[in-house]
Amino acid sequence: MDENELDAIRQRKMMDLQRQGQQSAVADERAKQMEVQKQAILRQILTPEARDRLGTVKVAYPDVAEMVESQLIQIAQSGRLNGMIDDNMLRDILRQVTPKRREISIERR
């Protein structure tokens, strides 16, 4: 390979890397916008106490919190929600969503 071919390969590689960086930045920005919109909707449908509880659940069980947030947003957008969701209603929803714990007991003989 001569010097011109190497320069052309380097140039293409740099352009590819720049394009990937731009695509990544666009994807990050889109994800941030989606999160802001999701939080705005949750602010409208949850009382402050329910939002605090959901935040606590999100720290301990992020996958459960994401699932509940998605379901609440879908319900709100479909118009099936009457009023705001308070802490007690959110607790009931979380009880329904979380799997039942199995009690394990060890018996010695």
N, C-alpha and C. Protein backbone atom coordinates (compact mmCIF):
# COMPACT_ATOMS: atom_id res chain seq x y z
N MET A 1 0.84 -1.18 0.00
CA MET A 1 0.00 0.00 0.00
C MET A 1 0.89 1.24 0.00
N ASP A 2 0.46 2.18 -0.78
CA ASP A 2 1.23 3.43 -0.77
C ASP A 2 0.58 4.43 0.20
N GLU A 3 1.20 5.54 0.35
CA GLU A 3 0.79 6.55 1.33
C GLU A 3 -0.61 7.11 1.03
N ASN A 4 -0.96 7.28 -0.24
CA ASN A 4 -2.27 7.82 -0.61
C ASN A 4 -3.40 6.88 -0.20
N GLU A 5 -3.20 5.59 -0.39
CA GLU A 5 -4.21 4.60 0.00
C GLU A 5 -4.41 4.60 1.51
N LEU A 6 -3.32 4.67 2.25
CA LEU A 6 -3.41 4.72 3.71
C LEU A 6 -4.15 5.97 4.18
N ASP A 7 -3.85 7.09 3.55
CA ASP A 7 -4.55 8.34 3.91
C ASP A 7 -6.04 8.23 3.62
N ALA A 8 -6.40 7.62 2.51
CA ALA A 8 -7.81 7.46 2.15
C ALA A 8 -8.52 6.56 3.16
N ILE A 9 -7.87 5.48 3.57
CA ILE A 9 -8.45 4.57 4.56
C ILE A 9 -8.62 5.29 5.90
N ARG A 10 -7.61 6.04 6.30
CA ARG A 10 -7.71 6.80 7.56
C ARG A 10 -8.85 7.81 7.50
N GLN A 11 -8.96 8.47 6.36
CA GLN A 11 -10.01 9.48 6.18
C GLN A 11 -11.39 8.84 6.29
N ARG A 12 -11.58 7.69 5.64
CA ARG A 12 -12.87 6.98 5.71
C ARG A 12 -13.17 6.54 7.14
N LYS A 13 -12.16 6.03 7.80
CA LYS A 13 -12.33 5.58 9.19
C LYS A 13 -12.72 6.75 10.09
N MET A 14 -12.07 7.90 9.93
CA MET A 14 -12.40 9.09 10.72
C MET A 14 -13.83 9.54 10.46
N MET A 15 -14.24 9.52 9.20
CA MET A 15 -15.61 9.92 8.86
C MET A 15 -16.62 8.96 9.46
N ASP A 16 -16.31 7.65 9.43
CA ASP A 16 -17.19 6.65 10.04
C ASP A 16 -17.33 6.90 11.53
N LEU A 17 -16.21 7.15 12.19
CA LEU A 17 -16.24 7.41 13.63
C LEU A 17 -17.03 8.67 13.96
N GLN A 18 -16.87 9.71 13.17
CA GLN A 18 -17.62 10.94 13.39
C GLN A 18 -19.11 10.71 13.19
N ARG A 19 -19.47 9.96 12.17
CA ARG A 19 -20.88 9.66 11.90
C ARG A 19 -21.48 8.86 13.06
N GLN A 20 -20.73 7.88 13.55
CA GLN A 20 -21.21 7.09 14.68
C GLN A 20 -21.39 7.95 15.92
N GLY A 21 -20.46 8.88 16.14
CA GLY A 21 -20.58 9.79 17.28
C GLY A 21 -21.79 10.68 17.16
N GLN A 22 -22.08 11.16 15.97
CA GLN A 22 -23.26 12.00 15.77
C GLN A 22 -24.53 11.19 15.97
N GLN A 23 -24.56 9.97 15.47
CA GLN A 23 -25.74 9.12 15.66
C GLN A 23 -25.96 8.81 17.13
N SER A 24 -24.88 8.58 17.83
CA SER A 24 -24.98 8.31 19.27
C SER A 24 -25.49 9.53 20.01
N ALA A 25 -25.02 10.70 19.63
CA ALA A 25 -25.48 11.94 20.28
C ALA A 25 -26.96 12.17 20.01
N VAL A 26 -27.40 11.90 18.80
CA VAL A 26 -28.82 12.07 18.45
C VAL A 26 -29.67 11.09 19.25
N ALA A 27 -29.21 9.85 19.36
CA ALA A 27 -29.95 8.84 20.13
C ALA A 27 -30.02 9.23 21.60
N ASP A 28 -28.93 9.74 22.16
CA ASP A 28 -28.92 10.18 23.56
C ASP A 28 -29.89 11.33 23.76
N GLU A 29 -29.90 12.27 22.85
CA GLU A 29 -30.80 13.43 22.96
C GLU A 29 -32.26 12.98 22.86
N ARG A 30 -32.53 12.05 21.97
CA ARG A 30 -33.90 11.52 21.83
C ARG A 30 -34.32 10.81 23.11
N ALA A 31 -33.43 10.05 23.71
CA ALA A 31 -33.75 9.34 24.95
C ALA A 31 -34.01 10.33 26.08
N LYS A 32 -33.24 11.42 26.14
CA LYS A 32 -33.47 12.44 27.17
C LYS A 32 -34.82 13.11 26.98
N GLN A 33 -35.19 13.40 25.73
CA GLN A 33 -36.48 14.02 25.47
C GLN A 33 -37.62 13.09 25.87
N MET A 34 -37.48 11.81 25.57
CA MET A 34 -38.51 10.84 25.95
C MET A 34 -38.65 10.77 27.46
N GLU A 35 -37.54 10.79 28.17
CA GLU A 35 -37.57 10.74 29.63
C GLU A 35 -38.25 11.99 30.21
N VAL A 36 -37.96 13.15 29.64
CA VAL A 36 -38.58 14.40 30.10
C VAL A 36 -40.09 14.34 29.87
N GLN A 37 -40.51 13.85 28.70
CA GLN A 37 -41.94 13.74 28.42
C GLN A 37 -42.61 12.75 29.36
N LYS A 38 -41.93 11.63 29.64
CA LYS A 38 -42.48 10.62 30.54
C LYS A 38 -42.65 11.19 31.94
N GLN A 39 -41.65 11.92 32.41
CA GLN A 39 -41.75 12.51 33.75
C GLN A 39 -42.85 13.56 33.82
N ALA A 40 -43.06 14.31 32.73
CA ALA A 40 -44.12 15.31 32.70
C ALA A 40 -45.49 14.65 32.80
N ILE A 41 -45.67 13.55 32.10
CA ILE A 41 -46.94 12.82 32.16
C ILE A 41 -47.15 12.25 33.56
N LEU A 42 -46.09 11.67 34.13
CA LEU A 42 -46.21 11.10 35.48
C LEU A 42 -46.53 12.18 36.51
N ARG A 43 -45.97 13.38 36.33
CA ARG A 43 -46.28 14.49 37.24
C ARG A 43 -47.76 14.85 37.19
N GLN A 44 -48.36 14.69 36.02
CA GLN A 44 -49.78 15.03 35.85
C GLN A 44 -50.70 13.97 36.45
N ILE A 45 -50.27 12.71 36.46
CA ILE A 45 -51.19 11.65 36.87
C ILE A 45 -50.91 11.09 38.26
N LEU A 46 -49.75 11.43 38.85
CA LEU A 46 -49.41 10.91 40.18
C LEU A 46 -49.37 12.03 41.21
N THR A 47 -49.83 11.74 42.40
CA THR A 47 -49.69 12.71 43.49
C THR A 47 -48.22 12.73 43.91
N PRO A 48 -47.79 13.77 44.63
CA PRO A 48 -46.38 13.82 45.06
C PRO A 48 -45.96 12.60 45.88
N GLU A 49 -46.85 12.11 46.75
CA GLU A 49 -46.51 10.93 47.56
C GLU A 49 -46.32 9.70 46.67
N ALA A 50 -47.18 9.55 45.67
CA ALA A 50 -47.07 8.41 44.76
C ALA A 50 -45.79 8.52 43.92
N ARG A 51 -45.44 9.73 43.51
CA ARG A 51 -44.19 9.92 42.76
C ARG A 51 -42.99 9.55 43.62
N ASP A 52 -43.02 9.95 44.90
CA ASP A 52 -41.93 9.58 45.80
C ASP A 52 -41.81 8.07 45.94
N ARG A 53 -42.95 7.41 46.10
CA ARG A 53 -42.93 5.95 46.25
C ARG A 53 -42.39 5.30 44.97
N LEU A 54 -42.83 5.78 43.82
CA LEU A 54 -42.35 5.22 42.56
C LEU A 54 -40.84 5.46 42.40
N GLY A 55 -40.36 6.60 42.88
CA GLY A 55 -38.93 6.86 42.85
C GLY A 55 -38.16 5.90 43.72
N THR A 56 -38.70 5.59 44.88
CA THR A 56 -38.07 4.63 45.78
C THR A 56 -38.05 3.24 45.15
N VAL A 57 -39.16 2.86 44.54
CA VAL A 57 -39.23 1.56 43.87
C VAL A 57 -38.23 1.51 42.72
N LYS A 58 -38.07 2.64 42.03
CA LYS A 58 -37.15 2.69 40.89
C LYS A 58 -35.71 2.46 41.33
N VAL A 59 -35.37 2.91 42.53
CA VAL A 59 -34.01 2.68 43.03
C VAL A 59 -33.81 1.20 43.36
N ALA A 60 -34.80 0.59 43.99
CA ALA A 60 -34.65 -0.80 44.41
C ALA A 60 -34.91 -1.79 43.28
N TYR A 61 -35.95 -1.52 42.47
CA TYR A 61 -36.35 -2.43 41.40
C TYR A 61 -36.61 -1.63 40.13
N PRO A 62 -35.56 -1.26 39.40
CA PRO A 62 -35.74 -0.40 38.22
C PRO A 62 -36.63 -1.01 37.14
N ASP A 63 -36.54 -2.33 36.96
CA ASP A 63 -37.35 -2.96 35.92
C ASP A 63 -38.84 -2.92 36.25
N VAL A 64 -39.18 -3.13 37.52
CA VAL A 64 -40.58 -3.06 37.95
C VAL A 64 -41.10 -1.64 37.80
N ALA A 65 -40.30 -0.66 38.20
CA ALA A 65 -40.72 0.74 38.11
C ALA A 65 -40.94 1.14 36.65
N GLU A 66 -40.06 0.72 35.76
CA GLU A 66 -40.22 1.03 34.33
C GLU A 66 -41.51 0.43 33.78
N MET A 67 -41.79 -0.80 34.18
CA MET A 67 -43.00 -1.46 33.71
C MET A 67 -44.24 -0.72 34.21
N VAL A 68 -44.25 -0.34 35.48
CA VAL A 68 -45.39 0.37 36.04
C VAL A 68 -45.54 1.74 35.39
N GLU A 69 -44.44 2.45 35.20
CA GLU A 69 -44.49 3.76 34.54
C GLU A 69 -45.09 3.63 33.15
N SER A 70 -44.65 2.65 32.40
CA SER A 70 -45.17 2.45 31.05
C SER A 70 -46.67 2.16 31.06
N GLN A 71 -47.09 1.31 31.98
CA GLN A 71 -48.51 0.98 32.07
C GLN A 71 -49.33 2.20 32.46
N LEU A 72 -48.85 2.98 33.42
CA LEU A 72 -49.57 4.17 33.84
C LEU A 72 -49.69 5.18 32.71
N ILE A 73 -48.63 5.35 31.95
CA ILE A 73 -48.66 6.29 30.83
C ILE A 73 -49.63 5.81 29.76
N GLN A 74 -49.64 4.52 29.48
CA GLN A 74 -50.58 3.98 28.50
C GLN A 74 -52.02 4.19 28.95
N ILE A 75 -52.28 3.95 30.21
CA ILE A 75 -53.63 4.15 30.73
C ILE A 75 -54.03 5.61 30.63
N ALA A 76 -53.13 6.50 30.98
CA ALA A 76 -53.43 7.93 30.94
C ALA A 76 -53.65 8.39 29.50
N GLN A 77 -52.86 7.92 28.57
CA GLN A 77 -52.99 8.35 27.18
C GLN A 77 -54.23 7.78 26.51
N SER A 78 -54.69 6.64 26.99
CA SER A 78 -55.89 6.04 26.40
C SER A 78 -57.16 6.67 26.98
N GLY A 79 -57.01 7.47 28.04
CA GLY A 79 -58.16 8.14 28.63
C GLY A 79 -58.93 7.30 29.63
N ARG A 80 -58.36 6.21 30.09
CA ARG A 80 -59.04 5.34 31.05
C ARG A 80 -58.76 5.71 32.50
N LEU A 81 -58.08 6.80 32.72
CA LEU A 81 -57.69 7.20 34.07
C LEU A 81 -58.66 8.27 34.58
N ASN A 82 -59.24 8.02 35.73
CA ASN A 82 -60.15 8.98 36.34
C ASN A 82 -59.43 9.64 37.51
N GLY A 83 -58.99 10.87 37.33
CA GLY A 83 -58.31 11.58 38.40
C GLY A 83 -56.86 11.17 38.52
N MET A 84 -56.26 11.59 39.64
CA MET A 84 -54.85 11.29 39.87
C MET A 84 -54.71 9.99 40.66
N ILE A 85 -53.55 9.38 40.52
CA ILE A 85 -53.25 8.16 41.26
C ILE A 85 -52.54 8.56 42.54
N ASP A 86 -53.14 8.17 43.67
CA ASP A 86 -52.53 8.51 44.95
C ASP A 86 -51.65 7.35 45.43
N ASP A 87 -51.07 7.54 46.60
CA ASP A 87 -50.12 6.56 47.13
C ASP A 87 -50.77 5.20 47.34
N ASN A 88 -51.99 5.16 47.87
CA ASN A 88 -52.66 3.88 48.12
C ASN A 88 -52.94 3.14 46.82
N MET A 89 -53.38 3.86 45.80
CA MET A 89 -53.64 3.22 44.51
C MET A 89 -52.34 2.67 43.91
N LEU A 90 -51.27 3.43 44.04
CA LEU A 90 -49.98 2.97 43.51
C LEU A 90 -49.50 1.73 44.27
N ARG A 91 -49.72 1.70 45.57
CA ARG A 91 -49.36 0.51 46.35
C ARG A 91 -50.10 -0.72 45.84
N ASP A 92 -51.41 -0.55 45.57
CA ASP A 92 -52.20 -1.67 45.05
C ASP A 92 -51.66 -2.13 43.69
N ILE A 93 -51.33 -1.18 42.84
CA ILE A 93 -50.78 -1.52 41.53
C ILE A 93 -49.46 -2.28 41.69
N LEU A 94 -48.61 -1.80 42.58
CA LEU A 94 -47.32 -2.45 42.80
C LEU A 94 -47.49 -3.86 43.36
N ARG A 95 -48.47 -4.05 44.23
CA ARG A 95 -48.74 -5.39 44.77
C ARG A 95 -49.15 -6.36 43.66
N GLN A 96 -49.95 -5.85 42.73
CA GLN A 96 -50.41 -6.71 41.63
C GLN A 96 -49.27 -7.05 40.67
N VAL A 97 -48.35 -6.12 40.50
CA VAL A 97 -47.29 -6.29 39.52
C VAL A 97 -46.14 -7.14 40.05
N THR A 98 -45.78 -6.94 41.31
CA THR A 98 -44.62 -7.67 41.85
C THR A 98 -44.97 -9.14 42.06
N PRO A 99 -44.04 -10.00 41.74
CA PRO A 99 -44.30 -11.43 41.91
C PRO A 99 -44.38 -11.78 43.40
N LYS A 100 -45.14 -12.80 43.66
CA LYS A 100 -45.28 -13.28 45.03
C LYS A 100 -43.97 -13.91 45.48
N ARG A 101 -43.60 -13.63 46.70
CA ARG A 101 -42.38 -14.23 47.25
C ARG A 101 -42.70 -15.61 47.78
N ARG A 102 -41.80 -16.49 47.52
CA ARG A 102 -41.97 -17.84 48.04
C ARG A 102 -41.23 -17.94 49.35
N GLU A 103 -41.90 -18.48 50.32
CA GLU A 103 -41.27 -18.70 51.62
C GLU A 103 -40.49 -20.00 51.56
N ILE A 104 -39.26 -19.93 51.96
CA ILE A 104 -38.41 -21.11 51.98
C ILE A 104 -38.09 -21.42 53.44
N SER A 105 -38.43 -22.61 53.83
CA SER A 105 -38.11 -23.01 55.20
C SER A 105 -37.26 -24.27 55.14
N ILE A 106 -36.26 -24.28 55.98
CA ILE A 106 -35.35 -25.42 56.04
C ILE A 106 -35.62 -26.15 57.35
N GLU A 107 -35.92 -27.40 57.21
CA GLU A 107 -36.20 -28.22 58.39
C GLU A 107 -35.09 -29.22 58.58
N ARG A 108 -34.61 -29.29 59.80
CA ARG A 108 -33.57 -30.28 60.11
C ARG A 108 -34.21 -31.45 60.82
N ARG A 109 -33.72 -32.59 60.53
CA ARG A 109 -34.27 -33.81 61.15
C ARG A 109 -33.25 -34.49 62.00
